[in-house]
């Protein structure tokens, strides 16, 4: 039996927006009857068929890393941020501030990712001062290689969707799903929402493959380029 590869997805958002309820529905295709607060991080898993129906179809484990949204645990969160291959941003449609705060979550993981990439030493788990209000959001928003998808929860409690003033998905150039996490029909197979999620998982898997390739190249050099000078190297010809 072959080993099934894994892809790590961060699930981010303020406390109480419904991250855990969304993860449970996405992973198990059933609503979570008694949701609770997440302290630190909880992990759930589902199987996903990458490029389903195509000749290069492959099975992956999608790991949902549901990160606790408490501000008091902010400095401890980066321990869960590396490595990751995509991020699900969750906000509460009845709480406009929760969508506005998604910018802060993007800044947090982006700065942490950059700090780890730029340094060969172990990153300091305390977030740098760059996370202040003067941080340049344009350095990351709409200009990032990280796959994102935005989830708006508690759709059943919203009377007028046109009152929304934040559109995080458009800033990131990603898909958005508006849903009620207590209803399985919102993620039912074949629906547009299920297609959006599947497409997001595929992008995260491709991000994982790219990260592995870049890591190999950084350590051993480009395997495509000849190690020897062309003076001493001649490609094999049949």
C-alpha atoms as a PDB file:
ATOM      1  CA  UNK A   1       0.000   0.000   0.000  1.00  0.00           C
ATOM      2  CA  UNK A   2       1.459   3.359  -1.042  1.00  0.00           C
ATOM      3  CA  UNK A   3       1.927   6.178   1.433  1.00  0.00           C
ATOM      4  CA  UNK A   4      -0.628   8.973   1.070  1.00  0.00           C
ATOM      5  CA  UNK A   5       0.906  12.450   0.999  1.00  0.00           C
ATOM      6  CA  UNK A   6      -0.442  15.226   3.196  1.00  0.00           C
ATOM      7  CA  UNK A   7      -1.142  18.887   2.598  1.00  0.00           C
ATOM      8  CA  UNK A   8      -1.480  21.316   5.512  1.00  0.00           C
ATOM      9  CA  UNK A   9      -4.219  23.963   5.457  1.00  0.00           C
ATOM     10  CA  UNK A  10      -4.441  26.694   8.098  1.00  0.00           C
ATOM     11  CA  UNK A  11      -7.959  27.701   9.209  1.00  0.00           C
ATOM     12  CA  UNK A  12      -7.835  31.261  10.533  1.00  0.00           C
ATOM     13  CA  UNK A  13     -10.233  33.841  11.910  1.00  0.00           C
ATOM     14  CA  UNK A  14     -11.430  35.522  15.080  1.00  0.00           C
ATOM     15  CA  UNK A  15     -12.793  33.563  18.014  1.00  0.00           C
ATOM     16  CA  UNK A  16     -16.412  32.518  17.644  1.00  0.00           C
ATOM     17  CA  UNK A  17     -16.740  32.907  13.877  1.00  0.00           C
ATOM     18  CA  UNK A  18     -17.354  29.190  13.312  1.00  0.00           C
ATOM     19  CA  UNK A  19     -13.986  27.811  12.205  1.00  0.00           C
ATOM     20  CA  UNK A  20     -14.394  24.515  14.047  1.00  0.00           C
ATOM     21  CA  UNK A  21     -17.946  24.047  12.768  1.00  0.00           C
ATOM     22  CA  UNK A  22     -16.798  24.648   9.206  1.00  0.00           C
ATOM     23  CA  UNK A  23     -13.865  22.227   9.528  1.00  0.00           C
ATOM     24  CA  UNK A  24     -16.078  19.480  10.930  1.00  0.00           C
ATOM     25  CA  UNK A  25     -18.584  19.875   8.102  1.00  0.00           C
ATOM     26  CA  UNK A  26     -15.853  19.962   5.439  1.00  0.00           C
ATOM     27  CA  UNK A  27     -14.016  16.943   6.871  1.00  0.00           C
ATOM     28  CA  UNK A  28     -16.940  14.709   7.851  1.00  0.00           C
ATOM     29  CA  UNK A  29     -19.871  15.952   5.746  1.00  0.00           C
ATOM     30  CA  UNK A  30     -22.001  16.407   8.832  1.00  0.00           C
ATOM     31  CA  UNK A  31     -22.639  19.376  11.129  1.00  0.00           C
ATOM     32  CA  UNK A  32     -20.967  19.690  14.506  1.00  0.00           C
ATOM     33  CA  UNK A  33     -23.686  19.428  17.136  1.00  0.00           C
ATOM     34  CA  UNK A  34     -21.769  20.842  20.106  1.00  0.00           C
ATOM     35  CA  UNK A  35     -18.998  23.234  18.979  1.00  0.00           C
ATOM     36  CA  UNK A  36     -16.476  24.391  21.571  1.00  0.00           C
ATOM     37  CA  UNK A  37     -13.707  26.976  21.785  1.00  0.00           C
ATOM     38  CA  UNK A  38     -10.366  25.984  20.285  1.00  0.00           C
ATOM     39  CA  UNK A  39      -7.354  26.497  22.536  1.00  0.00           C
ATOM     40  CA  UNK A  40      -4.083  26.471  20.642  1.00  0.00           C
ATOM     41  CA  UNK A  41      -4.803  24.318  17.617  1.00  0.00           C
ATOM     42  CA  UNK A  42      -6.904  21.319  16.668  1.00  0.00           C
ATOM     43  CA  UNK A  43      -6.344  19.151  13.592  1.00  0.00           C
ATOM     44  CA  UNK A  44      -8.889  17.328  11.446  1.00  0.00           C
ATOM     45  CA  UNK A  45      -8.314  15.345   8.265  1.00  0.00           C
ATOM     46  CA  UNK A  46     -10.153  14.424   5.076  1.00  0.00           C
ATOM     47  CA  UNK A  47      -9.241  12.555   1.903  1.00  0.00           C
ATOM     48  CA  UNK A  48      -9.137  14.550  -1.311  1.00  0.00           C
ATOM     49  CA  UNK A  49      -8.674  13.388  -4.890  1.00  0.00           C
ATOM     50  CA  UNK A  50      -6.281  15.772  -6.603  1.00  0.00           C
ATOM     51  CA  UNK A  51      -7.326  16.439 -10.212  1.00  0.00           C
ATOM     52  CA  UNK A  52     -10.134  13.933  -9.889  1.00  0.00           C
ATOM     53  CA  UNK A  53     -11.102  12.283 -13.148  1.00  0.00           C
ATOM     54  CA  UNK A  54      -7.814  13.124 -14.868  1.00  0.00           C
ATOM     55  CA  UNK A  55      -4.917  10.824 -15.718  1.00  0.00           C
ATOM     56  CA  UNK A  56      -2.706  12.337 -12.996  1.00  0.00           C
ATOM     57  CA  UNK A  57      -5.343  11.917 -10.266  1.00  0.00           C
ATOM     58  CA  UNK A  58      -3.813  11.277  -6.846  1.00  0.00           C
ATOM     59  CA  UNK A  59      -5.162  10.871  -3.310  1.00  0.00           C
ATOM     60  CA  UNK A  60      -4.047  13.292  -0.593  1.00  0.00           C
ATOM     61  CA  UNK A  61      -4.808  13.815   3.069  1.00  0.00           C
ATOM     62  CA  UNK A  62      -5.972  17.387   3.637  1.00  0.00           C
ATOM     63  CA  UNK A  63      -5.036  18.428   7.183  1.00  0.00           C
ATOM     64  CA  UNK A  64      -7.124  21.278   8.586  1.00  0.00           C
ATOM     65  CA  UNK A  65      -5.116  23.124  11.246  1.00  0.00           C
ATOM     66  CA  UNK A  66      -7.831  24.985  13.123  1.00  0.00           C
ATOM     67  CA  UNK A  67      -5.955  27.810  14.894  1.00  0.00           C
ATOM     68  CA  UNK A  68      -7.464  29.298  18.056  1.00  0.00           C
ATOM     69  CA  UNK A  69      -8.402  32.928  17.483  1.00  0.00           C
ATOM     70  CA  UNK A  70      -7.863  34.288  20.982  1.00  0.00           C
ATOM     71  CA  UNK A  71      -5.767  37.475  20.972  1.00  0.00           C
ATOM     72  CA  UNK A  72      -4.128  36.383  24.235  1.00  0.00           C
ATOM     73  CA  UNK A  73      -2.466  33.455  22.393  1.00  0.00           C
ATOM     74  CA  UNK A  74      -1.211  35.588  19.518  1.00  0.00           C
ATOM     75  CA  UNK A  75       2.495  35.223  20.318  1.00  0.00           C
ATOM     76  CA  UNK A  76       2.271  31.418  20.537  1.00  0.00           C
ATOM     77  CA  UNK A  77       0.464  30.851  17.240  1.00  0.00           C
ATOM     78  CA  UNK A  78       3.460  30.950  14.852  1.00  0.00           C
ATOM     79  CA  UNK A  79       4.557  27.507  16.067  1.00  0.00           C
ATOM     80  CA  UNK A  80       1.642  26.141  13.986  1.00  0.00           C
ATOM     81  CA  UNK A  81       2.417  28.168  10.860  1.00  0.00           C
ATOM     82  CA  UNK A  82       5.291  26.254   9.321  1.00  0.00           C
ATOM     83  CA  UNK A  83       5.077  24.617   6.941  1.00  0.00           C
ATOM     84  CA  UNK A  84       1.645  25.261   5.441  1.00  0.00           C
ATOM     85  CA  UNK A  85       0.354  25.168   1.894  1.00  0.00           C
ATOM     86  CA  UNK A  86      -2.849  27.197   1.957  1.00  0.00           C
ATOM     87  CA  UNK A  87      -5.159  29.136   4.266  1.00  0.00           C
ATOM     88  CA  UNK A  88      -8.918  29.203   4.841  1.00  0.00           C
ATOM     89  CA  UNK A  89     -10.030  32.596   6.207  1.00  0.00           C
ATOM     90  CA  UNK A  90     -13.278  32.417   8.181  1.00  0.00           C
ATOM     91  CA  UNK A  91     -15.470  35.337   9.245  1.00  0.00           C
ATOM     92  CA  UNK A  92     -18.921  35.799  10.713  1.00  0.00           C
ATOM     93  CA  UNK A  93     -21.371  37.476   8.317  1.00  0.00           C
ATOM     94  CA  UNK A  94     -23.183  39.023  11.292  1.00  0.00           C
ATOM     95  CA  UNK A  95     -19.954  40.600  12.569  1.00  0.00           C
ATOM     96  CA  UNK A  96     -18.358  43.028  10.108  1.00  0.00           C
ATOM     97  CA  UNK A  97     -15.285  43.431  12.269  1.00  0.00           C
ATOM     98  CA  UNK A  98     -14.462  39.737  11.892  1.00  0.00           C
ATOM     99  CA  UNK A  99     -14.098  40.168   8.121  1.00  0.00           C
ATOM    100  CA  UNK A 100     -12.074  43.362   8.536  1.00  0.00           C
ATOM    101  CA  UNK A 101      -9.761  41.476  10.909  1.00  0.00           C
ATOM    102  CA  UNK A 102      -8.933  38.914   8.206  1.00  0.00           C
ATOM    103  CA  UNK A 103      -6.336  41.435   7.004  1.00  0.00           C
ATOM    104  CA  UNK A 104      -4.559  40.968  10.325  1.00  0.00           C
ATOM    105  CA  UNK A 105      -4.542  37.188   9.931  1.00  0.00           C
ATOM    106  CA  UNK A 106      -3.053  37.478   6.448  1.00  0.00           C
ATOM    107  CA  UNK A 107      -0.389  39.848   7.748  1.00  0.00           C
ATOM    108  CA  UNK A 108       0.421  37.518  10.611  1.00  0.00           C
ATOM    109  CA  UNK A 109       1.038  34.403   8.560  1.00  0.00           C
ATOM    110  CA  UNK A 110       2.692  36.317   5.711  1.00  0.00           C
ATOM    111  CA  UNK A 111       5.213  38.046   7.957  1.00  0.00           C
ATOM    112  CA  UNK A 112       5.934  34.799   9.778  1.00  0.00           C
ATOM    113  CA  UNK A 113       6.409  32.993   6.475  1.00  0.00           C
ATOM    114  CA  UNK A 114       8.756  35.675   5.190  1.00  0.00           C
ATOM    115  CA  UNK A 115      10.758  35.719   8.428  1.00  0.00           C
ATOM    116  CA  UNK A 116      11.250  31.949   8.270  1.00  0.00           C
ATOM    117  CA  UNK A 117      12.190  32.057   4.605  1.00  0.00           C
ATOM    118  CA  UNK A 118      14.735  34.865   5.051  1.00  0.00           C
ATOM    119  CA  UNK A 119      16.443  33.296   8.039  1.00  0.00           C
ATOM    120  CA  UNK A 120      18.306  29.996   8.318  1.00  0.00           C
ATOM    121  CA  UNK A 121      17.888  30.020  12.085  1.00  0.00           C
ATOM    122  CA  UNK A 122      14.808  29.059  14.108  1.00  0.00           C
ATOM    123  CA  UNK A 123      12.285  31.859  13.953  1.00  0.00           C
ATOM    124  CA  UNK A 124      11.372  33.777  17.079  1.00  0.00           C
ATOM    125  CA  UNK A 125       7.783  32.804  17.950  1.00  0.00           C
ATOM    126  CA  UNK A 126       7.025  36.394  19.027  1.00  0.00           C
ATOM    127  CA  UNK A 127       5.574  38.342  16.106  1.00  0.00           C
ATOM    128  CA  UNK A 128       7.674  41.324  14.979  1.00  0.00           C
ATOM    129  CA  UNK A 129       6.660  44.960  15.205  1.00  0.00           C
ATOM    130  CA  UNK A 130       5.753  44.863  11.501  1.00  0.00           C
ATOM    131  CA  UNK A 131       2.307  43.675  12.532  1.00  0.00           C
ATOM    132  CA  UNK A 132       1.387  47.157  13.686  1.00  0.00           C
ATOM    133  CA  UNK A 133      -1.213  49.286  11.928  1.00  0.00           C
ATOM    134  CA  UNK A 134       1.491  50.881   9.759  1.00  0.00           C
ATOM    135  CA  UNK A 135       2.361  47.562   8.100  1.00  0.00           C
ATOM    136  CA  UNK A 136       2.143  47.765   4.313  1.00  0.00           C
ATOM    137  CA  UNK A 137      -0.737  45.442   3.450  1.00  0.00           C
ATOM    138  CA  UNK A 138      -0.041  45.782  -0.261  1.00  0.00           C
ATOM    139  CA  UNK A 139       3.195  43.844   0.281  1.00  0.00           C
ATOM    140  CA  UNK A 140       1.008  40.741   0.595  1.00  0.00           C
ATOM    141  CA  UNK A 141      -2.663  41.431  -0.135  1.00  0.00           C
ATOM    142  CA  UNK A 142      -3.382  40.634  -3.777  1.00  0.00           C
ATOM    143  CA  UNK A 143       0.282  39.882  -4.389  1.00  0.00           C
ATOM    144  CA  UNK A 144       0.905  36.521  -2.792  1.00  0.00           C
ATOM    145  CA  UNK A 145       1.541  32.978  -3.920  1.00  0.00           C
ATOM    146  CA  UNK A 146      -0.324  31.480  -0.951  1.00  0.00           C
ATOM    147  CA  UNK A 147      -3.649  29.862  -1.950  1.00  0.00           C
ATOM    148  CA  UNK A 148      -6.580  31.321  -0.017  1.00  0.00           C
ATOM    149  CA  UNK A 149     -10.323  30.844   0.205  1.00  0.00           C
ATOM    150  CA  UNK A 150     -12.695  32.965   2.284  1.00  0.00           C
ATOM    151  CA  UNK A 151     -15.617  31.451   4.213  1.00  0.00           C
ATOM    152  CA  UNK A 152     -18.483  33.590   5.500  1.00  0.00           C
ATOM    153  CA  UNK A 153     -20.507  31.781   8.176  1.00  0.00           C
ATOM    154  CA  UNK A 154     -23.949  32.229   9.799  1.00  0.00           C
ATOM    155  CA  UNK A 155     -25.623  33.054   6.493  1.00  0.00           C
ATOM    156  CA  UNK A 156     -28.952  32.066   8.006  1.00  0.00           C
ATOM    157  CA  UNK A 157     -28.729  35.037  10.407  1.00  0.00           C
ATOM    158  CA  UNK A 158     -28.102  37.668   7.716  1.00  0.00           C
ATOM    159  CA  UNK A 159     -31.095  39.661   6.497  1.00  0.00           C
ATOM    160  CA  UNK A 160     -29.421  41.776   3.835  1.00  0.00           C
ATOM    161  CA  UNK A 161     -26.148  40.615   2.296  1.00  0.00           C
ATOM    162  CA  UNK A 162     -25.753  43.928   0.439  1.00  0.00           C
ATOM    163  CA  UNK A 163     -24.817  45.682   3.671  1.00  0.00           C
ATOM    164  CA  UNK A 164     -21.368  44.052   3.608  1.00  0.00           C
ATOM    165  CA  UNK A 165     -18.588  46.631   3.328  1.00  0.00           C
ATOM    166  CA  UNK A 166     -15.549  44.324   3.315  1.00  0.00           C
ATOM    167  CA  UNK A 167     -14.656  42.030   0.444  1.00  0.00           C
ATOM    168  CA  UNK A 168     -11.519  40.218   1.495  1.00  0.00           C
ATOM    169  CA  UNK A 169     -11.828  37.637  -1.258  1.00  0.00           C
ATOM    170  CA  UNK A 170     -11.571  40.287  -3.974  1.00  0.00           C
ATOM    171  CA  UNK A 171      -8.431  41.733  -2.340  1.00  0.00           C
ATOM    172  CA  UNK A 172      -6.817  38.303  -2.363  1.00  0.00           C
ATOM    173  CA  UNK A 173      -8.147  37.296  -5.754  1.00  0.00           C
ATOM    174  CA  UNK A 174      -9.653  34.095  -4.362  1.00  0.00           C
ATOM    175  CA  UNK A 175     -13.021  32.347  -4.120  1.00  0.00           C
ATOM    176  CA  UNK A 176     -15.529  32.998  -1.354  1.00  0.00           C
ATOM    177  CA  UNK A 177     -18.227  30.764   0.122  1.00  0.00           C
ATOM    178  CA  UNK A 178     -21.173  32.092   2.144  1.00  0.00           C
ATOM    179  CA  UNK A 179     -22.856  29.381   4.178  1.00  0.00           C
ATOM    180  CA  UNK A 180     -24.585  28.040   7.256  1.00  0.00           C
ATOM    181  CA  UNK A 181     -22.270  25.449   8.821  1.00  0.00           C
ATOM    182  CA  UNK A 182     -25.262  23.611  10.295  1.00  0.00           C
ATOM    183  CA  UNK A 183     -26.558  22.681   6.840  1.00  0.00           C
ATOM    184  CA  UNK A 184     -24.773  19.957   4.847  1.00  0.00           C
ATOM    185  CA  UNK A 185     -26.321  21.184   1.584  1.00  0.00           C
ATOM    186  CA  UNK A 186     -23.912  24.122   1.451  1.00  0.00           C
ATOM    187  CA  UNK A 187     -20.972  21.774   0.827  1.00  0.00           C
ATOM    188  CA  UNK A 188     -22.819  18.945  -0.878  1.00  0.00           C
ATOM    189  CA  UNK A 189     -20.960  17.142  -3.670  1.00  0.00           C
ATOM    190  CA  UNK A 190     -21.492  18.756  -7.054  1.00  0.00           C
ATOM    191  CA  UNK A 191     -22.468  22.173  -5.725  1.00  0.00           C
ATOM    192  CA  UNK A 192     -20.543  25.303  -6.698  1.00  0.00           C
ATOM    193  CA  UNK A 193     -19.243  25.554  -3.130  1.00  0.00           C
ATOM    194  CA  UNK A 194     -17.843  22.016  -3.249  1.00  0.00           C
ATOM    195  CA  UNK A 195     -16.172  22.824  -6.575  1.00  0.00           C
ATOM    196  CA  UNK A 196     -14.589  25.952  -5.086  1.00  0.00           C
ATOM    197  CA  UNK A 197     -13.204  23.984  -2.147  1.00  0.00           C
ATOM    198  CA  UNK A 198     -11.879  21.217  -4.395  1.00  0.00           C
ATOM    199  CA  UNK A 199     -10.164  23.797  -6.582  1.00  0.00           C
ATOM    200  CA  UNK A 200      -8.620  25.391  -3.484  1.00  0.00           C
ATOM    201  CA  UNK A 201      -7.303  22.017  -2.237  1.00  0.00           C
ATOM    202  CA  UNK A 202      -5.723  21.406  -5.644  1.00  0.00           C
ATOM    203  CA  UNK A 203      -3.967  24.787  -5.496  1.00  0.00           C
ATOM    204  CA  UNK A 204      -2.650  23.986  -2.011  1.00  0.00           C
ATOM    205  CA  UNK A 205      -1.316  20.643  -3.259  1.00  0.00           C
ATOM    206  CA  UNK A 206       0.421  22.413  -6.130  1.00  0.00           C
ATOM    207  CA  UNK A 207       1.865  24.875  -3.615  1.00  0.00           C
ATOM    208  CA  UNK A 208       3.195  21.914  -1.631  1.00  0.00           C
ATOM    209  CA  UNK A 209       4.840  20.437  -4.710  1.00  0.00           C
ATOM    210  CA  UNK A 210       6.432  23.772  -5.570  1.00  0.00           C
ATOM    211  CA  UNK A 211       7.719  24.192  -2.005  1.00  0.00           C
ATOM    212  CA  UNK A 212       9.325  20.748  -2.088  1.00  0.00           C
ATOM    213  CA  UNK A 213      10.930  21.479  -5.447  1.00  0.00           C
ATOM    214  CA  UNK A 214      12.267  24.854  -4.280  1.00  0.00           C
ATOM    215  CA  UNK A 215      13.652  23.273  -1.115  1.00  0.00           C
ATOM    216  CA  UNK A 216      15.435  20.566  -3.114  1.00  0.00           C
ATOM    217  CA  UNK A 217      16.873  23.127  -5.536  1.00  0.00           C
ATOM    218  CA  UNK A 218      18.084  25.318  -2.669  1.00  0.00           C
ATOM    219  CA  UNK A 219      19.914  22.387  -1.049  1.00  0.00           C
ATOM    220  CA  UNK A 220      21.251  20.531  -4.093  1.00  0.00           C
ATOM    221  CA  UNK A 221      20.993  22.906  -7.014  1.00  0.00           C
ATOM    222  CA  UNK A 222      18.780  22.762 -10.081  1.00  0.00           C
ATOM    223  CA  UNK A 223      18.584  19.077 -11.120  1.00  0.00           C
ATOM    224  CA  UNK A 224      17.857  20.117 -14.687  1.00  0.00           C
ATOM    225  CA  UNK A 225      21.043  22.150 -15.139  1.00  0.00           C
ATOM    226  CA  UNK A 226      24.282  20.222 -15.771  1.00  0.00           C
ATOM    227  CA  UNK A 227      26.727  20.284 -12.863  1.00  0.00           C
ATOM    228  CA  UNK A 228      29.751  20.228 -15.171  1.00  0.00           C
ATOM    229  CA  UNK A 229      30.709  22.918 -17.624  1.00  0.00           C
ATOM    230  CA  UNK A 230      29.524  22.319 -21.201  1.00  0.00           C
ATOM    231  CA  UNK A 231      33.195  21.872 -22.027  1.00  0.00           C
ATOM    232  CA  UNK A 232      33.126  18.562 -20.173  1.00  0.00           C
ATOM    233  CA  UNK A 233      29.449  17.686 -20.509  1.00  0.00           C
ATOM    234  CA  UNK A 234      27.693  16.231 -23.473  1.00  0.00           C
ATOM    235  CA  UNK A 235      24.023  15.163 -23.332  1.00  0.00           C
ATOM    236  CA  UNK A 236      23.358  11.535 -24.170  1.00  0.00           C
ATOM    237  CA  UNK A 237      21.856  10.992 -27.567  1.00  0.00           C
ATOM    238  CA  UNK A 238      20.347   7.783 -28.900  1.00  0.00           C
END
